[in-house]
Amino acid sequence: MFTKEGAKNTALDKIWEHMPNKAGDKKMLASVSVNAAELLPADRSYYSFNGSLTTPPCSEGVKWMVLKTPIEASNAQIKQFAKVIGSNARPVQPVHARELRAM
């Protein structure tokens, strides 16, 4: 699922208010409830393709399903996430013989 900058995402707010300040921090939460469906866009059509893990060893054998429509998050929400998680360090990989299917 991709994210684009836009309106504040109230579903993400429920999670972000409990986000640690840095990667690796742990926090026990007793009573946080999140409905995962609220995190998805209304249009749930997706692309499907075979690929690999996004972290080393980047081994093959992963079936990816990526939503076509990104969700929106505010600039502040995106910055807060990037502060804790960082950026995606894996470069885009060549398509080679992978077939992309629109579902």
N, C-alpha and C. Protein backbone atom coordinates (compact mmCIF):
# COMPACT_ATOMS: atom_id res chain seq x y z
N MET A 1 0.85 -1.16 0.00
CA MET A 1 0.00 0.00 0.00
C MET A 1 0.90 1.23 0.00
N PHE A 2 0.62 2.11 -0.91
CA PHE A 2 1.39 3.34 -1.00
C PHE A 2 0.65 4.45 -0.26
N THR A 3 1.39 5.47 0.10
CA THR A 3 0.81 6.62 0.80
C THR A 3 1.18 7.87 0.04
N LYS A 4 0.22 8.78 -0.08
CA LYS A 4 0.51 10.07 -0.69
C LYS A 4 0.19 11.16 0.32
N GLU A 5 0.91 12.26 0.21
CA GLU A 5 0.66 13.37 1.11
C GLU A 5 -0.67 14.02 0.77
N GLY A 6 -1.44 14.30 1.80
CA GLY A 6 -2.75 14.92 1.60
C GLY A 6 -3.38 15.23 2.94
N ALA A 7 -4.63 14.83 3.07
CA ALA A 7 -5.39 15.10 4.29
C ALA A 7 -4.89 14.23 5.44
N LYS A 8 -5.10 14.71 6.66
CA LYS A 8 -4.76 13.94 7.85
C LYS A 8 -5.57 12.66 7.84
N ASN A 9 -4.95 11.54 8.15
CA ASN A 9 -5.59 10.23 8.15
C ASN A 9 -5.98 9.88 9.59
N THR A 10 -7.28 9.91 9.87
CA THR A 10 -7.74 9.67 11.24
C THR A 10 -7.49 8.22 11.69
N ALA A 11 -7.52 7.28 10.76
CA ALA A 11 -7.24 5.88 11.11
C ALA A 11 -5.78 5.74 11.54
N LEU A 12 -4.87 6.43 10.85
CA LEU A 12 -3.46 6.38 11.23
C LEU A 12 -3.22 7.08 12.57
N ASP A 13 -3.99 8.13 12.85
CA ASP A 13 -3.84 8.85 14.11
C ASP A 13 -3.97 7.92 15.30
N LYS A 14 -4.88 6.95 15.22
CA LYS A 14 -5.08 6.01 16.32
C LYS A 14 -3.81 5.21 16.61
N ILE A 15 -3.04 4.96 15.57
CA ILE A 15 -1.80 4.19 15.71
C ILE A 15 -0.64 5.13 16.04
N TRP A 16 -0.56 6.24 15.33
CA TRP A 16 0.57 7.16 15.46
C TRP A 16 0.68 7.72 16.88
N GLU A 17 -0.44 7.89 17.60
CA GLU A 17 -0.35 8.45 18.95
C GLU A 17 0.37 7.50 19.91
N HIS A 18 0.53 6.24 19.51
CA HIS A 18 1.23 5.26 20.33
C HIS A 18 2.59 4.86 19.74
N MET A 19 2.97 5.49 18.63
CA MET A 19 4.22 5.14 17.96
C MET A 19 5.42 5.50 18.84
N PRO A 20 6.40 4.61 18.92
CA PRO A 20 7.61 4.95 19.69
C PRO A 20 8.36 6.12 19.06
N ASN A 21 9.27 6.68 19.79
CA ASN A 21 10.04 7.83 19.29
C ASN A 21 11.17 7.44 18.36
N LYS A 22 11.62 6.18 18.46
CA LYS A 22 12.69 5.73 17.57
C LYS A 22 12.56 4.23 17.33
N ALA A 23 13.13 3.77 16.24
CA ALA A 23 13.08 2.34 15.90
C ALA A 23 13.71 1.53 17.01
N GLY A 24 13.10 0.41 17.34
CA GLY A 24 13.63 -0.47 18.37
C GLY A 24 13.01 -0.24 19.74
N ASP A 25 12.42 0.94 19.95
CA ASP A 25 11.73 1.19 21.23
C ASP A 25 10.53 0.27 21.33
N LYS A 26 10.25 -0.19 22.53
CA LYS A 26 9.10 -1.07 22.76
C LYS A 26 8.18 -0.44 23.77
N LYS A 27 6.88 -0.68 23.56
CA LYS A 27 5.88 -0.11 24.43
C LYS A 27 4.72 -1.08 24.51
N MET A 28 4.34 -1.48 25.72
CA MET A 28 3.19 -2.37 25.89
C MET A 28 1.92 -1.54 25.88
N LEU A 29 0.97 -1.96 25.07
CA LEU A 29 -0.31 -1.27 24.98
C LEU A 29 -1.42 -2.22 25.40
N ALA A 30 -2.18 -1.82 26.38
CA ALA A 30 -3.21 -2.69 26.93
C ALA A 30 -4.53 -2.57 26.19
N SER A 31 -4.88 -1.39 25.73
CA SER A 31 -6.24 -1.24 25.22
C SER A 31 -6.33 -0.39 23.95
N VAL A 32 -5.53 -0.73 22.96
CA VAL A 32 -5.62 -0.03 21.69
C VAL A 32 -6.28 -0.96 20.69
N SER A 33 -7.32 -0.48 20.05
CA SER A 33 -8.04 -1.29 19.07
C SER A 33 -8.01 -0.58 17.72
N VAL A 34 -7.60 -1.29 16.68
CA VAL A 34 -7.53 -0.72 15.34
C VAL A 34 -8.28 -1.63 14.38
N ASN A 35 -9.17 -1.06 13.60
CA ASN A 35 -9.88 -1.79 12.56
C ASN A 35 -9.05 -1.64 11.28
N ALA A 36 -8.38 -2.70 10.87
CA ALA A 36 -7.48 -2.64 9.71
C ALA A 36 -8.21 -2.18 8.44
N ALA A 37 -9.50 -2.46 8.31
CA ALA A 37 -10.25 -2.04 7.13
C ALA A 37 -10.28 -0.52 7.00
N GLU A 38 -10.18 0.20 8.12
CA GLU A 38 -10.18 1.67 8.08
C GLU A 38 -8.89 2.21 7.47
N LEU A 39 -7.87 1.39 7.39
CA LEU A 39 -6.59 1.82 6.83
C LEU A 39 -6.54 1.67 5.31
N LEU A 40 -7.53 1.00 4.74
CA LEU A 40 -7.53 0.73 3.30
C LEU A 40 -8.32 1.77 2.53
N PRO A 41 -7.95 2.03 1.28
CA PRO A 41 -8.73 2.95 0.45
C PRO A 41 -10.05 2.30 0.02
N ALA A 42 -10.99 3.12 -0.41
CA ALA A 42 -12.29 2.60 -0.86
C ALA A 42 -12.12 1.66 -2.05
N ASP A 43 -11.25 2.05 -3.00
CA ASP A 43 -10.97 1.21 -4.17
C ASP A 43 -9.91 0.20 -3.77
N ARG A 44 -10.29 -1.06 -3.69
CA ARG A 44 -9.36 -2.10 -3.23
C ARG A 44 -8.81 -2.95 -4.38
N SER A 45 -8.86 -2.42 -5.60
CA SER A 45 -8.26 -3.14 -6.71
C SER A 45 -6.73 -3.08 -6.54
N TYR A 46 -6.04 -4.08 -7.09
CA TYR A 46 -4.62 -4.19 -6.82
C TYR A 46 -3.86 -4.81 -7.98
N TYR A 47 -2.54 -4.68 -7.92
CA TYR A 47 -1.64 -5.34 -8.84
C TYR A 47 -1.05 -6.55 -8.11
N SER A 48 -0.79 -7.60 -8.84
CA SER A 48 -0.20 -8.80 -8.26
C SER A 48 1.01 -9.21 -9.10
N PHE A 49 2.10 -9.55 -8.42
CA PHE A 49 3.29 -10.00 -9.13
C PHE A 49 4.16 -10.82 -8.18
N ASN A 50 4.99 -11.67 -8.76
CA ASN A 50 5.95 -12.44 -7.99
C ASN A 50 7.21 -11.61 -7.84
N GLY A 51 7.79 -11.65 -6.65
CA GLY A 51 8.98 -10.85 -6.40
C GLY A 51 9.82 -11.45 -5.30
N SER A 52 10.42 -10.57 -4.52
CA SER A 52 11.33 -11.03 -3.47
C SER A 52 11.11 -10.20 -2.20
N LEU A 53 11.76 -10.64 -1.14
CA LEU A 53 11.73 -9.88 0.10
C LEU A 53 12.34 -8.51 -0.12
N THR A 54 11.93 -7.53 0.68
CA THR A 54 12.47 -6.17 0.51
C THR A 54 13.70 -5.92 1.35
N THR A 55 14.07 -6.89 2.17
CA THR A 55 15.26 -6.76 3.01
C THR A 55 16.18 -7.94 2.74
N PRO A 56 17.47 -7.78 3.00
CA PRO A 56 18.39 -8.89 2.76
C PRO A 56 17.91 -10.16 3.46
N PRO A 57 17.96 -11.28 2.81
CA PRO A 57 18.74 -11.59 1.62
C PRO A 57 18.00 -11.32 0.30
N CYS A 58 16.86 -10.62 0.33
CA CYS A 58 16.10 -10.29 -0.90
C CYS A 58 15.78 -11.54 -1.71
N SER A 59 15.52 -12.64 -1.01
CA SER A 59 15.26 -13.91 -1.69
C SER A 59 13.90 -13.89 -2.39
N GLU A 60 13.83 -14.65 -3.47
CA GLU A 60 12.63 -14.75 -4.28
C GLU A 60 11.56 -15.58 -3.58
N GLY A 61 10.40 -15.65 -4.17
CA GLY A 61 9.35 -16.51 -3.66
C GLY A 61 8.26 -15.77 -2.91
N VAL A 62 8.16 -14.45 -3.10
CA VAL A 62 7.13 -13.66 -2.44
C VAL A 62 6.09 -13.25 -3.47
N LYS A 63 4.82 -13.48 -3.19
CA LYS A 63 3.75 -13.01 -4.08
C LYS A 63 3.27 -11.68 -3.52
N TRP A 64 3.48 -10.61 -4.28
CA TRP A 64 3.10 -9.27 -3.86
C TRP A 64 1.71 -8.93 -4.37
N MET A 65 0.94 -8.27 -3.54
CA MET A 65 -0.34 -7.70 -3.93
C MET A 65 -0.31 -6.25 -3.44
N VAL A 66 -0.28 -5.31 -4.37
CA VAL A 66 -0.11 -3.89 -4.06
C VAL A 66 -1.36 -3.14 -4.52
N LEU A 67 -1.99 -2.45 -3.58
CA LEU A 67 -3.19 -1.68 -3.93
C LEU A 67 -2.86 -0.62 -4.96
N LYS A 68 -3.77 -0.42 -5.93
CA LYS A 68 -3.56 0.58 -6.97
C LYS A 68 -3.73 2.00 -6.43
N THR A 69 -4.62 2.17 -5.46
CA THR A 69 -4.93 3.49 -4.93
C THR A 69 -4.19 3.72 -3.62
N PRO A 70 -3.39 4.76 -3.54
CA PRO A 70 -2.69 5.03 -2.28
C PRO A 70 -3.64 5.61 -1.24
N ILE A 71 -3.29 5.45 0.04
CA ILE A 71 -4.03 6.13 1.09
C ILE A 71 -3.40 7.50 1.26
N GLU A 72 -4.10 8.40 1.93
CA GLU A 72 -3.55 9.73 2.21
C GLU A 72 -3.11 9.81 3.65
N ALA A 73 -2.09 10.59 3.89
CA ALA A 73 -1.61 10.91 5.22
C ALA A 73 -1.08 12.34 5.17
N SER A 74 -1.19 13.04 6.28
CA SER A 74 -0.71 14.42 6.32
C SER A 74 0.82 14.45 6.28
N ASN A 75 1.35 15.59 5.97
CA ASN A 75 2.80 15.77 5.95
C ASN A 75 3.38 15.44 7.32
N ALA A 76 2.72 15.86 8.39
CA ALA A 76 3.20 15.59 9.75
C ALA A 76 3.20 14.10 10.04
N GLN A 77 2.17 13.38 9.60
CA GLN A 77 2.11 11.93 9.82
C GLN A 77 3.23 11.21 9.06
N ILE A 78 3.47 11.63 7.85
CA ILE A 78 4.53 11.02 7.04
C ILE A 78 5.90 11.29 7.68
N LYS A 79 6.12 12.51 8.14
CA LYS A 79 7.39 12.86 8.78
C LYS A 79 7.59 12.06 10.07
N GLN A 80 6.52 11.89 10.85
CA GLN A 80 6.63 11.14 12.10
C GLN A 80 7.03 9.69 11.81
N PHE A 81 6.41 9.10 10.79
CA PHE A 81 6.73 7.73 10.40
C PHE A 81 8.18 7.63 9.94
N ALA A 82 8.60 8.54 9.07
CA ALA A 82 9.97 8.51 8.54
C ALA A 82 11.00 8.71 9.64
N LYS A 83 10.66 9.52 10.65
CA LYS A 83 11.58 9.76 11.77
C LYS A 83 11.86 8.46 12.53
N VAL A 84 10.83 7.64 12.69
CA VAL A 84 10.99 6.40 13.44
C VAL A 84 11.51 5.26 12.56
N ILE A 85 10.94 5.10 11.38
CA ILE A 85 11.24 3.95 10.52
C ILE A 85 12.39 4.22 9.56
N GLY A 86 12.51 5.44 9.10
CA GLY A 86 13.54 5.75 8.10
C GLY A 86 12.98 5.59 6.70
N SER A 87 13.85 5.56 5.73
CA SER A 87 13.40 5.45 4.34
C SER A 87 13.63 4.04 3.82
N ASN A 88 13.04 3.74 2.68
CA ASN A 88 13.23 2.45 2.04
C ASN A 88 14.58 2.49 1.33
N ALA A 89 15.49 1.66 1.78
CA ALA A 89 16.84 1.68 1.22
C ALA A 89 17.03 0.75 0.04
N ARG A 90 16.02 -0.01 -0.29
CA ARG A 90 16.18 -0.97 -1.39
C ARG A 90 15.83 -0.30 -2.71
N PRO A 91 16.74 -0.35 -3.67
CA PRO A 91 16.42 0.25 -4.97
C PRO A 91 15.38 -0.58 -5.72
N VAL A 92 14.69 0.06 -6.64
CA VAL A 92 13.72 -0.63 -7.49
C VAL A 92 14.47 -1.68 -8.29
N GLN A 93 13.88 -2.86 -8.40
CA GLN A 93 14.52 -3.97 -9.09
C GLN A 93 14.00 -4.08 -10.52
N PRO A 94 14.82 -4.62 -11.44
CA PRO A 94 14.36 -4.81 -12.82
C PRO A 94 13.19 -5.79 -12.87
N VAL A 95 12.31 -5.64 -13.84
CA VAL A 95 11.14 -6.50 -13.98
C VAL A 95 11.54 -7.90 -14.41
N HIS A 96 12.55 -8.03 -15.25
CA HIS A 96 12.97 -9.32 -15.81
C HIS A 96 11.74 -10.02 -16.41
N ALA A 97 11.48 -11.26 -16.04
CA ALA A 97 10.37 -12.02 -16.65
C ALA A 97 9.11 -12.00 -15.79
N ARG A 98 9.07 -11.16 -14.75
CA ARG A 98 7.88 -11.11 -13.89
C ARG A 98 6.69 -10.55 -14.65
N GLU A 99 5.55 -11.16 -14.43
CA GLU A 99 4.31 -10.72 -15.06
C GLU A 99 3.52 -9.91 -14.03
N LEU A 100 3.08 -8.72 -14.42
CA LEU A 100 2.27 -7.87 -13.57
C LEU A 100 0.81 -8.06 -13.95
N ARG A 101 -0.01 -8.41 -12.96
CA ARG A 101 -1.44 -8.63 -13.20
C ARG A 101 -2.26 -7.57 -12.47
N ALA A 102 -3.20 -6.98 -13.17
CA ALA A 102 -4.14 -6.03 -12.54
C ALA A 102 -5.36 -6.82 -12.10
N MET A 103 -5.72 -6.68 -10.86
CA MET A 103 -6.86 -7.40 -10.31
C MET A 103 -7.95 -6.44 -9.90
